[in-house]
Structures are given as structure tokens and as C-alpha cells.
Amino acid sequence: MKTDIAYYALLDRQNEVLKQLTHDEKNHLSTIKALANDPNVDAYIDSIYGEISYHSMLVIPIISTSILC
């Protein structure tokens, strides 16, 4: 039972970190776009911005977990 609580606390923390990473990545791209003043940069950021999501960030722990197993 104690192990389950610790495990779920770890998962909750990882969830919060992934949400923060997604948020930060989108903010960085928005800032780069605003500062670049270049249509090519705008087009590139627009093309990838929609692909960045919390769910896409879940691949990182899944891949690392599968490698460890």
C-alpha cells in the first residue's frame, strides 16, 4: 500500500512536469516567433505549434520506461 502511494505520487509529479514542459515549449516558440520577424520562422513555428501537446510529451517517459524494461 505504501509503495502504491509513492508510485502514484511519482506519476502525479511526472504529470505536472510534462504539463510544465509543454507550457514552456509553447511559450518559447511564441517568443521566438515574436522576436524573429521572419515569415519563414513564422511558417515553421505555425507548422509545429499545433503538434506540441501534453500527449506528445508522454512519449518521453514511455520510451525511457520501455528501454529500462
N, C-alpha and C. Protein backbone atom coordinates (compact mmCIF):
# COMPACT_ATOMS: atom_id res chain seq x y z
N MET A 1 0.83 -1.19 0.00
CA MET A 1 0.00 0.00 0.00
C MET A 1 0.87 1.26 0.00
N LYS A 2 1.93 1.24 0.82
CA LYS A 2 2.82 2.39 0.88
C LYS A 2 3.54 2.60 -0.46
N THR A 3 3.89 1.48 -1.09
CA THR A 3 4.54 1.54 -2.39
C THR A 3 3.61 2.12 -3.44
N ASP A 4 2.33 1.73 -3.38
CA ASP A 4 1.35 2.25 -4.32
C ASP A 4 1.20 3.77 -4.17
N ILE A 5 1.15 4.25 -2.96
CA ILE A 5 1.02 5.68 -2.71
C ILE A 5 2.24 6.43 -3.26
N ALA A 6 3.41 5.89 -3.03
CA ALA A 6 4.63 6.52 -3.53
C ALA A 6 4.66 6.50 -5.05
N TYR A 7 4.22 5.41 -5.63
CA TYR A 7 4.20 5.28 -7.09
C TYR A 7 3.25 6.31 -7.71
N TYR A 8 2.06 6.42 -7.14
CA TYR A 8 1.09 7.38 -7.67
C TYR A 8 1.54 8.82 -7.44
N ALA A 9 2.23 9.07 -6.37
CA ALA A 9 2.79 10.41 -6.14
C ALA A 9 3.84 10.72 -7.20
N LEU A 10 4.66 9.74 -7.53
CA LEU A 10 5.67 9.91 -8.58
C LEU A 10 5.00 10.18 -9.93
N LEU A 11 3.97 9.41 -10.26
CA LEU A 11 3.25 9.62 -11.51
C LEU A 11 2.61 11.01 -11.56
N ASP A 12 2.06 11.44 -10.44
CA ASP A 12 1.46 12.77 -10.38
C ASP A 12 2.51 13.85 -10.61
N ARG A 13 3.67 13.69 -10.02
CA ARG A 13 4.76 14.66 -10.21
C ARG A 13 5.23 14.67 -11.67
N GLN A 14 5.38 13.50 -12.27
CA GLN A 14 5.77 13.43 -13.67
C GLN A 14 4.73 14.11 -14.56
N ASN A 15 3.47 13.93 -14.24
CA ASN A 15 2.38 14.56 -14.97
C ASN A 15 2.51 16.08 -14.91
N GLU A 16 2.77 16.62 -13.74
CA GLU A 16 2.93 18.06 -13.59
C GLU A 16 4.15 18.58 -14.36
N VAL A 17 5.23 17.82 -14.34
CA VAL A 17 6.44 18.23 -15.07
C VAL A 17 6.16 18.25 -16.57
N LEU A 18 5.46 17.25 -17.08
CA LEU A 18 5.14 17.22 -18.50
C LEU A 18 4.25 18.38 -18.91
N LYS A 19 3.29 18.71 -18.07
CA LYS A 19 2.42 19.86 -18.35
C LYS A 19 3.25 21.15 -18.40
N GLN A 20 4.17 21.30 -17.47
CA GLN A 20 5.01 22.50 -17.43
C GLN A 20 5.92 22.57 -18.65
N LEU A 21 6.49 21.43 -19.05
CA LEU A 21 7.34 21.40 -20.24
C LEU A 21 6.57 21.82 -21.49
N THR A 22 5.35 21.30 -21.62
CA THR A 22 4.52 21.67 -22.76
C THR A 22 4.24 23.16 -22.76
N HIS A 23 3.88 23.68 -21.62
CA HIS A 23 3.60 25.11 -21.47
C HIS A 23 4.82 25.95 -21.83
N ASP A 24 5.96 25.57 -21.28
CA ASP A 24 7.20 26.32 -21.52
C ASP A 24 7.61 26.27 -23.00
N GLU A 25 7.49 25.10 -23.61
CA GLU A 25 7.89 24.96 -25.01
C GLU A 25 7.03 25.86 -25.90
N LYS A 26 5.73 25.88 -25.64
CA LYS A 26 4.85 26.75 -26.43
C LYS A 26 5.18 28.22 -26.20
N ASN A 27 5.48 28.58 -24.97
CA ASN A 27 5.84 29.98 -24.69
C ASN A 27 7.15 30.36 -25.39
N HIS A 28 8.12 29.47 -25.40
CA HIS A 28 9.39 29.76 -26.07
C HIS A 28 9.18 29.95 -27.57
N LEU A 29 8.37 29.09 -28.17
CA LEU A 29 8.11 29.23 -29.60
C LEU A 29 7.39 30.54 -29.91
N SER A 30 6.44 30.91 -29.07
CA SER A 30 5.73 32.18 -29.27
C SER A 30 6.69 33.36 -29.18
N THR A 31 7.61 33.29 -28.24
CA THR A 31 8.59 34.37 -28.09
C THR A 31 9.54 34.44 -29.28
N ILE A 32 10.02 33.28 -29.72
CA ILE A 32 10.90 33.24 -30.90
C ILE A 32 10.18 33.83 -32.10
N LYS A 33 8.93 33.45 -32.29
CA LYS A 33 8.15 33.94 -33.42
C LYS A 33 8.00 35.46 -33.35
N ALA A 34 7.73 35.98 -32.17
CA ALA A 34 7.54 37.42 -31.99
C ALA A 34 8.84 38.19 -32.25
N LEU A 35 9.96 37.63 -31.84
CA LEU A 35 11.24 38.32 -31.98
C LEU A 35 11.88 38.15 -33.36
N ALA A 36 11.57 37.06 -34.03
CA ALA A 36 12.25 36.75 -35.29
C ALA A 36 11.88 37.71 -36.42
N ASN A 37 10.61 38.06 -36.50
CA ASN A 37 10.16 38.96 -37.56
C ASN A 37 10.59 38.45 -38.93
N ASP A 38 10.41 37.14 -39.12
CA ASP A 38 10.79 36.48 -40.37
C ASP A 38 9.65 35.55 -40.78
N PRO A 39 9.11 35.72 -41.98
CA PRO A 39 7.99 34.88 -42.41
C PRO A 39 8.32 33.39 -42.44
N ASN A 40 9.57 33.04 -42.72
CA ASN A 40 9.96 31.62 -42.73
C ASN A 40 9.91 31.03 -41.32
N VAL A 41 10.35 31.79 -40.34
CA VAL A 41 10.29 31.35 -38.95
C VAL A 41 8.83 31.22 -38.53
N ASP A 42 8.02 32.22 -38.89
CA ASP A 42 6.59 32.17 -38.55
C ASP A 42 5.94 30.91 -39.11
N ALA A 43 6.22 30.62 -40.38
CA ALA A 43 5.63 29.46 -41.03
C ALA A 43 6.06 28.16 -40.35
N TYR A 44 7.35 28.08 -40.02
CA TYR A 44 7.85 26.87 -39.36
C TYR A 44 7.21 26.68 -37.99
N ILE A 45 7.16 27.73 -37.19
CA ILE A 45 6.59 27.62 -35.85
C ILE A 45 5.10 27.30 -35.94
N ASP A 46 4.40 27.93 -36.87
CA ASP A 46 2.98 27.62 -37.05
C ASP A 46 2.78 26.16 -37.40
N SER A 47 3.69 25.59 -38.19
CA SER A 47 3.55 24.19 -38.61
C SER A 47 3.76 23.21 -37.46
N ILE A 48 4.59 23.56 -36.49
CA ILE A 48 4.86 22.61 -35.40
C ILE A 48 4.11 22.94 -34.11
N TYR A 49 3.62 24.15 -33.98
CA TYR A 49 3.00 24.58 -32.73
C TYR A 49 1.81 23.70 -32.35
N GLY A 50 0.98 23.38 -33.33
CA GLY A 50 -0.20 22.55 -33.05
C GLY A 50 0.13 21.12 -32.67
N GLU A 51 1.32 20.67 -33.03
CA GLU A 51 1.72 19.30 -32.73
C GLU A 51 2.23 19.15 -31.30
N ILE A 52 2.53 20.26 -30.66
CA ILE A 52 3.05 20.20 -29.30
C ILE A 52 1.87 20.11 -28.34
N SER A 53 1.83 19.03 -27.64
CA SER A 53 0.74 18.86 -26.67
C SER A 53 1.25 18.02 -25.51
N TYR A 54 0.46 18.03 -24.47
CA TYR A 54 0.77 17.22 -23.31
C TYR A 54 0.92 15.76 -23.72
N HIS A 55 0.04 15.30 -24.60
CA HIS A 55 0.07 13.89 -25.01
C HIS A 55 1.32 13.55 -25.80
N SER A 56 1.80 14.48 -26.62
CA SER A 56 3.03 14.20 -27.36
C SER A 56 4.23 14.11 -26.43
N MET A 57 4.16 14.81 -25.31
CA MET A 57 5.25 14.76 -24.33
C MET A 57 5.25 13.45 -23.55
N LEU A 58 4.15 12.71 -23.56
CA LEU A 58 4.09 11.44 -22.84
C LEU A 58 5.00 10.38 -23.46
N VAL A 59 5.41 10.58 -24.68
CA VAL A 59 6.27 9.61 -25.36
C VAL A 59 7.61 9.48 -24.64
N ILE A 60 8.11 10.56 -24.07
CA ILE A 60 9.41 10.55 -23.41
C ILE A 60 9.47 9.51 -22.28
N PRO A 61 8.55 9.55 -21.29
CA PRO A 61 8.66 8.54 -20.23
C PRO A 61 8.31 7.13 -20.71
N ILE A 62 7.46 7.01 -21.73
CA ILE A 62 7.13 5.68 -22.23
C ILE A 62 8.36 5.06 -22.89
N ILE A 63 9.07 5.82 -23.68
CA ILE A 63 10.28 5.30 -24.33
C ILE A 63 11.33 4.96 -23.27
N SER A 64 11.54 5.84 -22.30
CA SER A 64 12.57 5.57 -21.30
C SER A 64 12.19 4.36 -20.45
N THR A 65 10.92 4.20 -20.16
CA THR A 65 10.48 3.04 -19.39
C THR A 65 10.66 1.76 -20.18
N SER A 66 10.32 1.80 -21.47
CA SER A 66 10.45 0.58 -22.27
C SER A 66 11.92 0.19 -22.45
N ILE A 67 12.80 1.14 -22.50
CA ILE A 67 14.24 0.84 -22.60
C ILE A 67 14.73 0.18 -21.32
N LEU A 68 14.26 0.68 -20.18
CA LEU A 68 14.69 0.12 -18.90
C LEU A 68 14.16 -1.27 -18.66
N CYS A 69 13.00 -1.58 -19.22
CA CYS A 69 12.39 -2.90 -19.02
C CYS A 69 13.01 -3.85 -19.96
